[in-house]
Each structure stands twice: as C-alpha cells, then as structure tokens.
Amino acid sequence: MRQALKVHPDSLCFAVTHIEVEIMRPCAGSLVLSYLVTGRIGALRIPPAVAAARTDELWRHTCFEAFVRTSPGPGYCELNFAPSTQWAAYRFDSYRSGIRAATEISAPRIEVRSSRTCYRLQASLEMDQMSSLRIDGVGQIGLAAVIEDTSGHKSYWALAHPPGKADFHHSDSFAVAFS
C-alpha cells in the first residue's frame, strides 16, 4: 500500500517535490516501510551512513518516522529512522505523555539509496519480537518525515496535518489502518 505525504503549509520545501511511503507486510510478523523522496536530492542535508545505533533526537535533522497504535487505547509507539542508519523507538501512554524508550524493540534493518532526483530509505522491522507492536487485529499508523535542506531549513511532511503547527503525535496523523 502506497501513501503520499503532504508538506505542512507552514514549512514549504523547494528541494522536494514529492514523498511517498510504501507499507508492506511481507509476512505476519514483519513491517517494511519504504520512504521515497523525489526532488533535488543534492539540496538536502542527508548525513552519511554510520554504524546503526539507537540514538535520540534524530528528528532534529532529516528523519523518517512512523507512529504505530495497535490497541484501541491511547498508547502508541514512535519509530525514527535516520539516513545515517541510526534509529530510535519510544512508547507513549497517551498523546505526548508517558514517554520512555521502547527497549523491547530491536534494531530495524535500514537501507538507503540515492540518486540526483530520488532518495529511498527502507526500514524493516520484525514485529513478532516486539510485544508492544503485535498486531492481532487492525492497527493505525501515522507516517511522517522531517526534511532538512542544506541551508538548515526544515519541512514537515505527514499523511495528515491537524490545524496549527506540525504535530506528528496528534491523533489526526494516525491516518492509515493496517493489519
């Protein structure tokens, strides 16, 4: 299933023309997210790949994100994937509340490819090992990206934006159902 991200109206980006995300479930316990950025890739600040490691504050620079809710309650997980192959995972009890590292989530496999006009980051997760993300029915997912250009300007992309400033945690952002 492919989904197009929309740029937040307060954070225009002249280097990127389009971002889409393909959500794949190759088998019951797996989730693969493939982010495809189209535009002038050389005008983006993309850190070089380093050894994959859990790292905080990745959203301060170019970063691809997923917000996953697998139960009917207000709790959810935030997953961050950086072009450097660094990553992060957090659990929230409710909207921006009760944050803690999701230590039960193991390292995703992150692969990146780039050309002049296209950048692709693919993150593969084994969800069977993540009790907090097991999907027994239908879950909801919010997909987002923070894109930083070479001048340091950031644009915020998501499936849906609530009124006001960019807020990927808002329930309006959990715009896709998946099972």
N, C-alpha and C. Protein backbone atom coordinates (compact mmCIF):
# COMPACT_ATOMS: atom_id res chain seq x y z
N MET A 1 0.85 -1.16 0.00
CA MET A 1 0.00 0.00 0.00
C MET A 1 0.90 1.24 0.00
N ARG A 2 0.70 2.13 -0.96
CA ARG A 2 1.47 3.38 -1.06
C ARG A 2 0.65 4.55 -0.54
N GLN A 3 1.33 5.42 0.19
CA GLN A 3 0.69 6.61 0.75
C GLN A 3 1.55 7.83 0.47
N ALA A 4 0.92 8.92 0.03
CA ALA A 4 1.65 10.16 -0.22
C ALA A 4 1.65 11.02 1.04
N LEU A 5 2.80 11.58 1.37
CA LEU A 5 2.90 12.53 2.48
C LEU A 5 2.66 13.93 1.94
N LYS A 6 2.10 14.79 2.77
CA LYS A 6 1.84 16.18 2.41
C LYS A 6 2.73 17.08 3.25
N VAL A 7 3.25 18.13 2.63
CA VAL A 7 4.07 19.07 3.37
C VAL A 7 3.16 19.96 4.21
N HIS A 8 3.59 20.29 5.42
CA HIS A 8 2.83 21.20 6.26
C HIS A 8 2.85 22.58 5.62
N PRO A 9 1.72 23.27 5.57
CA PRO A 9 1.65 24.55 4.86
C PRO A 9 2.58 25.64 5.42
N ASP A 10 3.01 25.50 6.67
CA ASP A 10 3.91 26.50 7.26
C ASP A 10 5.38 26.16 7.06
N SER A 11 5.68 25.08 6.34
CA SER A 11 7.08 24.66 6.21
C SER A 11 7.39 24.23 4.78
N LEU A 12 7.17 25.11 3.84
CA LEU A 12 7.37 24.76 2.44
C LEU A 12 8.80 24.31 2.17
N CYS A 13 8.93 23.46 1.17
CA CYS A 13 10.23 22.91 0.80
C CYS A 13 10.36 23.01 -0.71
N PHE A 14 11.40 23.71 -1.18
CA PHE A 14 11.58 23.89 -2.61
C PHE A 14 12.46 22.81 -3.23
N ALA A 15 13.14 22.03 -2.41
CA ALA A 15 14.01 20.97 -2.92
C ALA A 15 13.25 19.67 -3.17
N VAL A 16 12.17 19.43 -2.44
CA VAL A 16 11.43 18.17 -2.54
C VAL A 16 10.09 18.42 -3.23
N THR A 17 9.79 17.59 -4.22
CA THR A 17 8.52 17.72 -4.92
C THR A 17 7.49 16.71 -4.45
N HIS A 18 7.95 15.58 -3.89
CA HIS A 18 7.01 14.52 -3.53
C HIS A 18 7.67 13.55 -2.56
N ILE A 19 6.90 13.08 -1.58
CA ILE A 19 7.34 11.99 -0.71
C ILE A 19 6.20 10.99 -0.62
N GLU A 20 6.53 9.73 -0.84
CA GLU A 20 5.54 8.68 -0.63
C GLU A 20 6.17 7.56 0.18
N VAL A 21 5.30 6.81 0.83
CA VAL A 21 5.75 5.70 1.67
C VAL A 21 4.98 4.46 1.26
N GLU A 22 5.71 3.39 1.06
CA GLU A 22 5.07 2.11 0.80
C GLU A 22 5.12 1.30 2.09
N ILE A 23 3.95 0.82 2.50
CA ILE A 23 3.81 -0.01 3.70
C ILE A 23 3.65 -1.45 3.21
N MET A 24 4.55 -2.32 3.67
CA MET A 24 4.48 -3.72 3.25
C MET A 24 4.48 -4.62 4.48
N ARG A 25 3.74 -5.70 4.38
CA ARG A 25 3.71 -6.74 5.40
C ARG A 25 4.09 -8.05 4.71
N PRO A 26 5.40 -8.30 4.45
CA PRO A 26 5.81 -9.49 3.71
C PRO A 26 5.40 -10.80 4.38
N CYS A 27 5.28 -10.77 5.70
CA CYS A 27 4.74 -11.91 6.44
C CYS A 27 4.11 -11.37 7.72
N ALA A 28 3.40 -12.19 8.43
CA ALA A 28 2.60 -11.74 9.58
C ALA A 28 3.41 -10.98 10.61
N GLY A 29 4.64 -11.33 10.85
CA GLY A 29 5.40 -10.69 11.91
C GLY A 29 6.31 -9.55 11.46
N SER A 30 6.19 -9.13 10.21
CA SER A 30 7.12 -8.13 9.67
C SER A 30 6.39 -6.88 9.20
N LEU A 31 7.09 -5.77 9.28
CA LEU A 31 6.62 -4.50 8.75
C LEU A 31 7.80 -3.85 8.02
N VAL A 32 7.58 -3.48 6.76
CA VAL A 32 8.61 -2.81 5.97
C VAL A 32 8.04 -1.48 5.52
N LEU A 33 8.76 -0.41 5.81
CA LEU A 33 8.37 0.94 5.39
C LEU A 33 9.43 1.47 4.44
N SER A 34 9.00 1.84 3.25
CA SER A 34 9.92 2.33 2.24
C SER A 34 9.54 3.76 1.89
N TYR A 35 10.38 4.73 2.31
CA TYR A 35 10.15 6.15 2.09
C TYR A 35 10.88 6.56 0.80
N LEU A 36 10.16 7.20 -0.12
CA LEU A 36 10.74 7.61 -1.38
C LEU A 36 10.58 9.12 -1.52
N VAL A 37 11.72 9.83 -1.57
CA VAL A 37 11.74 11.29 -1.69
C VAL A 37 12.15 11.62 -3.11
N THR A 38 11.37 12.50 -3.77
CA THR A 38 11.67 12.92 -5.13
C THR A 38 11.94 14.43 -5.12
N GLY A 39 12.98 14.83 -5.83
CA GLY A 39 13.31 16.25 -5.93
C GLY A 39 14.79 16.45 -6.19
N ARG A 40 15.30 17.59 -5.76
CA ARG A 40 16.73 17.90 -5.90
C ARG A 40 17.45 17.37 -4.65
N ILE A 41 17.85 16.13 -4.68
CA ILE A 41 18.40 15.45 -3.51
C ILE A 41 19.70 16.12 -3.05
N GLY A 42 20.48 16.67 -3.96
CA GLY A 42 21.71 17.37 -3.59
C GLY A 42 21.47 18.61 -2.76
N ALA A 43 20.24 19.12 -2.73
CA ALA A 43 19.90 20.31 -1.94
C ALA A 43 19.46 19.94 -0.52
N LEU A 44 19.48 18.64 -0.20
CA LEU A 44 19.06 18.19 1.13
C LEU A 44 20.27 17.88 1.99
N ARG A 45 20.11 18.09 3.28
CA ARG A 45 21.14 17.72 4.25
C ARG A 45 20.86 16.29 4.68
N ILE A 46 21.65 15.38 4.12
CA ILE A 46 21.49 13.96 4.42
C ILE A 46 22.80 13.47 5.02
N PRO A 47 22.77 13.08 6.29
CA PRO A 47 24.02 12.62 6.92
C PRO A 47 24.50 11.31 6.31
N PRO A 48 25.81 11.11 6.28
CA PRO A 48 26.34 9.85 5.75
C PRO A 48 25.99 8.69 6.68
N ALA A 49 25.95 7.50 6.10
CA ALA A 49 25.67 6.30 6.89
C ALA A 49 26.82 6.04 7.87
N VAL A 50 26.44 5.64 9.07
CA VAL A 50 27.39 5.25 10.12
C VAL A 50 26.90 3.91 10.68
N ALA A 51 27.59 3.39 11.65
CA ALA A 51 27.14 2.14 12.28
C ALA A 51 25.75 2.35 12.87
N ALA A 52 24.84 1.44 12.57
CA ALA A 52 23.48 1.55 13.09
C ALA A 52 23.50 1.51 14.61
N ALA A 53 22.79 2.46 15.23
CA ALA A 53 22.74 2.51 16.68
C ALA A 53 21.49 3.25 17.11
N ARG A 54 20.96 2.86 18.27
CA ARG A 54 19.83 3.59 18.86
C ARG A 54 20.35 4.97 19.27
N THR A 55 19.66 6.03 18.80
CA THR A 55 20.12 7.40 19.01
C THR A 55 18.92 8.31 19.23
N ASP A 56 18.98 9.19 20.20
CA ASP A 56 17.88 10.12 20.48
C ASP A 56 17.99 11.38 19.62
N GLU A 57 16.89 12.10 19.53
CA GLU A 57 16.77 13.40 18.86
C GLU A 57 17.10 13.36 17.37
N LEU A 58 16.80 12.28 16.72
CA LEU A 58 17.03 12.18 15.28
C LEU A 58 16.15 13.15 14.50
N TRP A 59 14.99 13.49 15.05
CA TRP A 59 14.04 14.39 14.39
C TRP A 59 14.57 15.81 14.23
N ARG A 60 15.70 16.12 14.84
CA ARG A 60 16.27 17.47 14.69
C ARG A 60 16.87 17.70 13.31
N HIS A 61 17.03 16.63 12.53
CA HIS A 61 17.58 16.71 11.18
C HIS A 61 16.74 15.80 10.28
N THR A 62 17.15 15.57 9.06
CA THR A 62 16.39 14.71 8.16
C THR A 62 16.14 13.35 8.85
N CYS A 63 14.88 12.99 8.92
CA CYS A 63 14.48 11.78 9.64
C CYS A 63 13.13 11.31 9.12
N PHE A 64 12.95 10.01 9.08
CA PHE A 64 11.69 9.42 8.64
C PHE A 64 11.05 8.75 9.85
N GLU A 65 9.74 8.91 10.01
CA GLU A 65 9.09 8.48 11.24
C GLU A 65 7.83 7.66 10.97
N ALA A 66 7.51 6.82 11.94
CA ALA A 66 6.25 6.08 11.93
C ALA A 66 5.70 6.10 13.36
N PHE A 67 4.41 6.30 13.46
CA PHE A 67 3.71 6.28 14.74
C PHE A 67 2.69 5.15 14.64
N VAL A 68 2.80 4.17 15.54
CA VAL A 68 2.02 2.95 15.42
C VAL A 68 1.18 2.75 16.67
N ARG A 69 -0.12 2.55 16.43
CA ARG A 69 -1.05 2.22 17.52
C ARG A 69 -1.67 0.88 17.16
N THR A 70 -1.50 -0.10 18.05
CA THR A 70 -2.02 -1.44 17.75
C THR A 70 -3.15 -1.87 18.68
N SER A 71 -3.52 -1.01 19.61
CA SER A 71 -4.63 -1.35 20.50
C SER A 71 -5.61 -0.18 20.50
N PRO A 72 -6.83 -0.40 20.98
CA PRO A 72 -7.83 0.66 20.94
C PRO A 72 -7.56 1.81 21.91
N GLY A 73 -6.64 1.66 22.84
CA GLY A 73 -6.35 2.70 23.82
C GLY A 73 -5.52 3.84 23.24
N PRO A 74 -5.14 4.78 24.10
CA PRO A 74 -4.41 5.96 23.64
C PRO A 74 -2.90 5.75 23.47
N GLY A 75 -2.36 4.61 23.88
CA GLY A 75 -0.92 4.37 23.80
C GLY A 75 -0.46 4.13 22.37
N TYR A 76 0.79 4.47 22.10
CA TYR A 76 1.35 4.27 20.77
C TYR A 76 2.87 4.24 20.84
N CYS A 77 3.49 3.83 19.74
CA CYS A 77 4.95 3.81 19.62
C CYS A 77 5.37 4.78 18.53
N GLU A 78 6.52 5.41 18.74
CA GLU A 78 7.14 6.28 17.74
C GLU A 78 8.43 5.61 17.30
N LEU A 79 8.61 5.50 16.00
CA LEU A 79 9.83 4.92 15.43
C LEU A 79 10.49 5.97 14.55
N ASN A 80 11.79 6.18 14.73
CA ASN A 80 12.55 7.15 13.94
C ASN A 80 13.65 6.42 13.19
N PHE A 81 13.79 6.75 11.90
CA PHE A 81 14.81 6.15 11.04
C PHE A 81 15.58 7.28 10.36
N ALA A 82 16.87 7.35 10.60
CA ALA A 82 17.70 8.40 10.01
C ALA A 82 18.48 7.87 8.82
N PRO A 83 18.79 8.76 7.86
CA PRO A 83 19.63 8.35 6.73
C PRO A 83 20.99 7.81 7.16
N SER A 84 21.44 8.18 8.35
CA SER A 84 22.72 7.69 8.87
C SER A 84 22.63 6.21 9.27
N THR A 85 21.45 5.64 9.26
CA THR A 85 21.04 4.30 9.73
C THR A 85 20.90 4.25 11.25
N GLN A 86 21.01 5.39 11.91
CA GLN A 86 20.68 5.44 13.33
C GLN A 86 19.16 5.36 13.45
N TRP A 87 18.67 4.97 14.61
CA TRP A 87 17.24 4.78 14.79
C TRP A 87 16.87 5.02 16.24
N ALA A 88 15.57 5.15 16.48
CA ALA A 88 15.05 5.30 17.84
C ALA A 88 13.66 4.71 17.90
N ALA A 89 13.25 4.31 19.10
CA ALA A 89 11.91 3.78 19.34
C ALA A 89 11.46 4.21 20.73
N TYR A 90 10.26 4.75 20.79
CA TYR A 90 9.70 5.25 22.04
C TYR A 90 8.28 4.74 22.21
N ARG A 91 7.87 4.59 23.47
CA ARG A 91 6.48 4.26 23.81
C ARG A 91 5.88 5.47 24.51
N PHE A 92 4.61 5.72 24.23
CA PHE A 92 3.85 6.77 24.88
C PHE A 92 2.59 6.15 25.47
N ASP A 93 2.22 6.55 26.69
CA ASP A 93 0.99 6.06 27.30
C ASP A 93 -0.23 6.71 26.65
N SER A 94 -0.09 7.97 26.24
CA SER A 94 -1.14 8.72 25.56
C SER A 94 -0.47 9.90 24.86
N TYR A 95 -1.24 10.78 24.28
CA TYR A 95 -0.72 11.89 23.48
C TYR A 95 0.43 12.61 24.18
N ARG A 96 1.65 12.43 23.66
CA ARG A 96 2.87 13.08 24.15
C ARG A 96 3.10 12.91 25.66
N SER A 97 2.55 11.85 26.23
CA SER A 97 2.62 11.65 27.67
C SER A 97 3.16 10.26 27.99
N GLY A 98 3.95 10.16 29.05
CA GLY A 98 4.47 8.87 29.48
C GLY A 98 5.52 8.31 28.55
N ILE A 99 6.37 9.16 28.01
CA ILE A 99 7.39 8.72 27.05
C ILE A 99 8.47 7.91 27.76
N ARG A 100 8.91 6.87 27.07
CA ARG A 100 10.04 6.07 27.54
C ARG A 100 10.62 5.33 26.34
N ALA A 101 11.86 4.96 26.44
CA ALA A 101 12.49 4.18 25.36
C ALA A 101 11.78 2.84 25.25
N ALA A 102 11.51 2.43 24.04
CA ALA A 102 10.89 1.13 23.79
C ALA A 102 12.03 0.12 23.63
N THR A 103 12.56 -0.32 24.76
CA THR A 103 13.74 -1.17 24.74
C THR A 103 13.44 -2.58 24.21
N GLU A 104 12.18 -2.97 24.17
CA GLU A 104 11.82 -4.28 23.65
C GLU A 104 11.87 -4.32 22.12
N ILE A 105 11.99 -3.16 21.50
CA ILE A 105 12.06 -3.09 20.04
C ILE A 105 13.51 -3.23 19.61
N SER A 106 13.77 -4.23 18.79
CA SER A 106 15.13 -4.47 18.33
C SER A 106 15.44 -3.62 17.10
N ALA A 107 16.69 -3.52 16.79
CA ALA A 107 17.16 -2.66 15.70
C ALA A 107 16.50 -3.03 14.37
N PRO A 108 15.95 -2.04 13.68
CA PRO A 108 15.44 -2.31 12.35
C PRO A 108 16.61 -2.41 11.36
N ARG A 109 16.37 -3.05 10.23
CA ARG A 109 17.37 -3.04 9.17
C ARG A 109 17.04 -1.84 8.29
N ILE A 110 17.99 -0.90 8.18
CA ILE A 110 17.77 0.32 7.40
C ILE A 110 18.70 0.30 6.20
N GLU A 111 18.10 0.46 5.02
CA GLU A 111 18.86 0.51 3.78
C GLU A 111 18.54 1.82 3.08
N VAL A 112 19.57 2.47 2.51
CA VAL A 112 19.37 3.73 1.81
C VAL A 112 19.97 3.65 0.40
N ARG A 113 19.32 4.36 -0.52
CA ARG A 113 19.81 4.51 -1.89
C ARG A 113 19.52 5.94 -2.32
N SER A 114 20.44 6.50 -3.11
CA SER A 114 20.28 7.88 -3.51
C SER A 114 20.75 8.10 -4.94
N SER A 115 20.06 9.02 -5.63
CA SER A 115 20.49 9.49 -6.94
C SER A 115 20.26 11.00 -6.95
N ARG A 116 20.46 11.63 -8.07
CA ARG A 116 20.28 13.09 -8.16
C ARG A 116 18.85 13.51 -7.85
N THR A 117 17.87 12.68 -8.24
CA THR A 117 16.47 13.09 -8.12
C THR A 117 15.62 12.21 -7.21
N CYS A 118 16.24 11.20 -6.60
CA CYS A 118 15.46 10.26 -5.79
C CYS A 118 16.29 9.76 -4.60
N TYR A 119 15.64 9.73 -3.44
CA TYR A 119 16.28 9.20 -2.23
C TYR A 119 15.31 8.18 -1.64
N ARG A 120 15.83 7.01 -1.28
CA ARG A 120 14.98 5.96 -0.72
C ARG A 120 15.58 5.46 0.58
N LEU A 121 14.77 5.41 1.62
CA LEU A 121 15.14 4.79 2.89
C LEU A 121 14.12 3.69 3.16
N GLN A 122 14.61 2.49 3.37
CA GLN A 122 13.73 1.36 3.69
C GLN A 122 14.09 0.84 5.07
N ALA A 123 13.08 0.76 5.94
CA ALA A 123 13.26 0.24 7.30
C ALA A 123 12.44 -1.04 7.43
N SER A 124 13.10 -2.11 7.84
CA SER A 124 12.44 -3.41 8.02
C SER A 124 12.45 -3.78 9.49
N LEU A 125 11.26 -4.09 10.02
CA LEU A 125 11.12 -4.41 11.44
C LEU A 125 10.51 -5.80 11.59
N GLU A 126 11.01 -6.54 12.58
CA GLU A 126 10.43 -7.82 12.94
C GLU A 126 9.53 -7.58 14.14
N MET A 127 8.24 -7.54 13.90
CA MET A 127 7.29 -7.15 14.94
C MET A 127 6.95 -8.27 15.90
N ASP A 128 7.17 -9.51 15.52
CA ASP A 128 6.86 -10.63 16.42
C ASP A 128 7.64 -10.55 17.72
N GLN A 129 8.83 -9.96 17.66
CA GLN A 129 9.66 -9.86 18.86
C GLN A 129 9.30 -8.65 19.70
N MET A 130 8.36 -7.84 19.22
CA MET A 130 8.01 -6.59 19.90
C MET A 130 6.61 -6.70 20.48
N SER A 131 6.52 -7.07 21.72
CA SER A 131 5.20 -7.27 22.32
C SER A 131 4.35 -6.00 22.25
N SER A 132 4.98 -4.83 22.27
CA SER A 132 4.23 -3.58 22.23
C SER A 132 3.66 -3.29 20.86
N LEU A 133 4.13 -3.98 19.82
CA LEU A 133 3.66 -3.71 18.46
C LEU A 133 2.97 -4.91 17.82
N ARG A 134 2.69 -5.95 18.57
CA ARG A 134 2.00 -7.10 17.97
C ARG A 134 0.64 -6.65 17.46
N ILE A 135 0.32 -7.12 16.29
CA ILE A 135 -0.94 -6.74 15.67
C ILE A 135 -1.82 -7.97 15.60
N ASP A 136 -2.85 -8.00 16.44
CA ASP A 136 -3.78 -9.12 16.43
C ASP A 136 -5.03 -8.78 15.63
N GLY A 137 -5.24 -7.52 15.37
CA GLY A 137 -6.39 -7.07 14.58
C GLY A 137 -5.94 -5.97 13.65
N VAL A 138 -6.65 -4.86 13.69
CA VAL A 138 -6.31 -3.72 12.84
C VAL A 138 -5.58 -2.68 13.67
N GLY A 139 -4.48 -2.18 13.16
CA GLY A 139 -3.74 -1.12 13.80
C GLY A 139 -3.86 0.16 13.01
N GLN A 140 -3.35 1.23 13.58
CA GLN A 140 -3.32 2.52 12.89
C GLN A 140 -1.88 2.98 12.82
N ILE A 141 -1.55 3.64 11.71
CA ILE A 141 -0.19 4.12 11.55
C ILE A 141 -0.21 5.56 11.03
N GLY A 142 0.70 6.34 11.55
CA GLY A 142 0.96 7.68 11.04
C GLY A 142 2.36 7.68 10.47
N LEU A 143 2.52 8.24 9.30
CA LEU A 143 3.83 8.28 8.64
C LEU A 143 4.23 9.73 8.48
N ALA A 144 5.52 10.00 8.66
CA ALA A 144 5.97 11.39 8.62
C ALA A 144 7.43 11.46 8.23
N ALA A 145 7.86 12.67 7.89
CA ALA A 145 9.26 12.91 7.58
C ALA A 145 9.60 14.35 7.94
N VAL A 146 10.79 14.52 8.49
CA VAL A 146 11.39 15.84 8.68
C VAL A 146 12.49 15.92 7.63
N ILE A 147 12.41 16.92 6.77
CA ILE A 147 13.39 17.08 5.71
C ILE A 147 14.14 18.39 5.94
N GLU A 148 15.47 18.28 6.03
CA GLU A 148 16.31 19.47 6.24
C GLU A 148 17.09 19.73 4.95
N ASP A 149 17.04 20.98 4.48
CA ASP A 149 17.82 21.31 3.29
C ASP A 149 19.20 21.82 3.70
N THR A 150 20.04 22.07 2.72
CA THR A 150 21.44 22.44 3.02
C THR A 150 21.55 23.79 3.71
N SER A 151 20.50 24.62 3.68
CA SER A 151 20.53 25.89 4.40
C SER A 151 20.12 25.73 5.86
N GLY A 152 19.66 24.52 6.24
CA GLY A 152 19.20 24.27 7.61
C GLY A 152 17.70 24.39 7.78
N HIS A 153 16.98 24.84 6.73
CA HIS A 153 15.52 24.95 6.79
C HIS A 153 14.91 23.55 6.85
N LYS A 154 13.90 23.37 7.71
CA LYS A 154 13.23 22.07 7.84
C LYS A 154 11.80 22.17 7.31
N SER A 155 11.37 21.12 6.65
CA SER A 155 9.97 20.99 6.27
C SER A 155 9.43 19.72 6.92
N TYR A 156 8.12 19.74 7.17
CA TYR A 156 7.47 18.67 7.92
C TYR A 156 6.39 18.04 7.03
N TRP A 157 6.51 16.75 6.80
CA TRP A 157 5.64 16.01 5.90
C TRP A 157 4.90 14.93 6.69
N ALA A 158 3.62 14.73 6.40
CA ALA A 158 2.84 13.69 7.08
C ALA A 158 1.66 13.28 6.21
N LEU A 159 1.04 12.16 6.58
CA LEU A 159 -0.17 11.72 5.88
C LEU A 159 -1.27 12.76 6.02
N ALA A 160 -1.39 13.33 7.21
CA ALA A 160 -2.42 14.34 7.51
C ALA A 160 -1.85 15.27 8.57
N HIS A 161 -2.24 16.53 8.49
CA HIS A 161 -1.79 17.53 9.47
C HIS A 161 -3.01 18.09 10.20
N PRO A 162 -2.97 18.12 11.54
CA PRO A 162 -4.05 18.77 12.27
C PRO A 162 -3.91 20.29 12.11
N PRO A 163 -4.93 21.05 12.45
CA PRO A 163 -4.80 22.51 12.38
C PRO A 163 -3.66 22.99 13.29
N GLY A 164 -3.03 24.09 12.92
CA GLY A 164 -1.96 24.64 13.74
C GLY A 164 -0.60 24.14 13.29
N LYS A 165 0.35 24.18 14.22
CA LYS A 165 1.72 23.80 13.89
C LYS A 165 1.82 22.29 13.62
N ALA A 166 2.90 21.91 12.95
CA ALA A 166 3.12 20.49 12.63
C ALA A 166 3.16 19.68 13.93
N ASP A 167 2.42 18.58 13.96
CA ASP A 167 2.34 17.73 15.16
C ASP A 167 2.08 16.29 14.73
N PHE A 168 3.14 15.53 14.57
CA PHE A 168 3.02 14.14 14.12
C PHE A 168 2.35 13.25 15.16
N HIS A 169 2.32 13.65 16.43
CA HIS A 169 1.75 12.84 17.50
C HIS A 169 0.22 12.96 17.56
N HIS A 170 -0.35 13.97 16.95
CA HIS A 170 -1.79 14.21 17.00
C HIS A 170 -2.55 13.03 16.41
N SER A 171 -3.69 12.71 16.98
CA SER A 171 -4.46 11.54 16.53
C SER A 171 -4.88 11.65 15.06
N ASP A 172 -5.02 12.85 14.53
CA ASP A 172 -5.36 13.02 13.10
C ASP A 172 -4.26 12.43 12.20
N SER A 173 -3.04 12.35 12.72
CA SER A 173 -1.92 11.85 11.92
C SER A 173 -1.93 10.33 11.77
N PHE A 174 -2.64 9.63 12.63
CA PHE A 174 -2.74 8.16 12.53
C PHE A 174 -3.79 7.85 11.46
N ALA A 175 -3.42 8.09 10.21
CA ALA A 175 -4.42 8.16 9.13
C ALA A 175 -4.60 6.87 8.34
N VAL A 176 -3.81 5.84 8.59
CA VAL A 176 -3.91 4.62 7.80
C VAL A 176 -4.16 3.43 8.72
N ALA A 177 -5.14 2.62 8.37
CA ALA A 177 -5.39 1.37 9.08
C ALA A 177 -4.62 0.26 8.39
N PHE A 178 -4.06 -0.65 9.18
CA PHE A 178 -3.34 -1.80 8.60
C PHE A 178 -3.54 -3.00 9.51
N SER A 179 -3.34 -4.18 8.93
CA SER A 179 -3.47 -5.41 9.73
C SER A 179 -2.36 -6.37 9.37
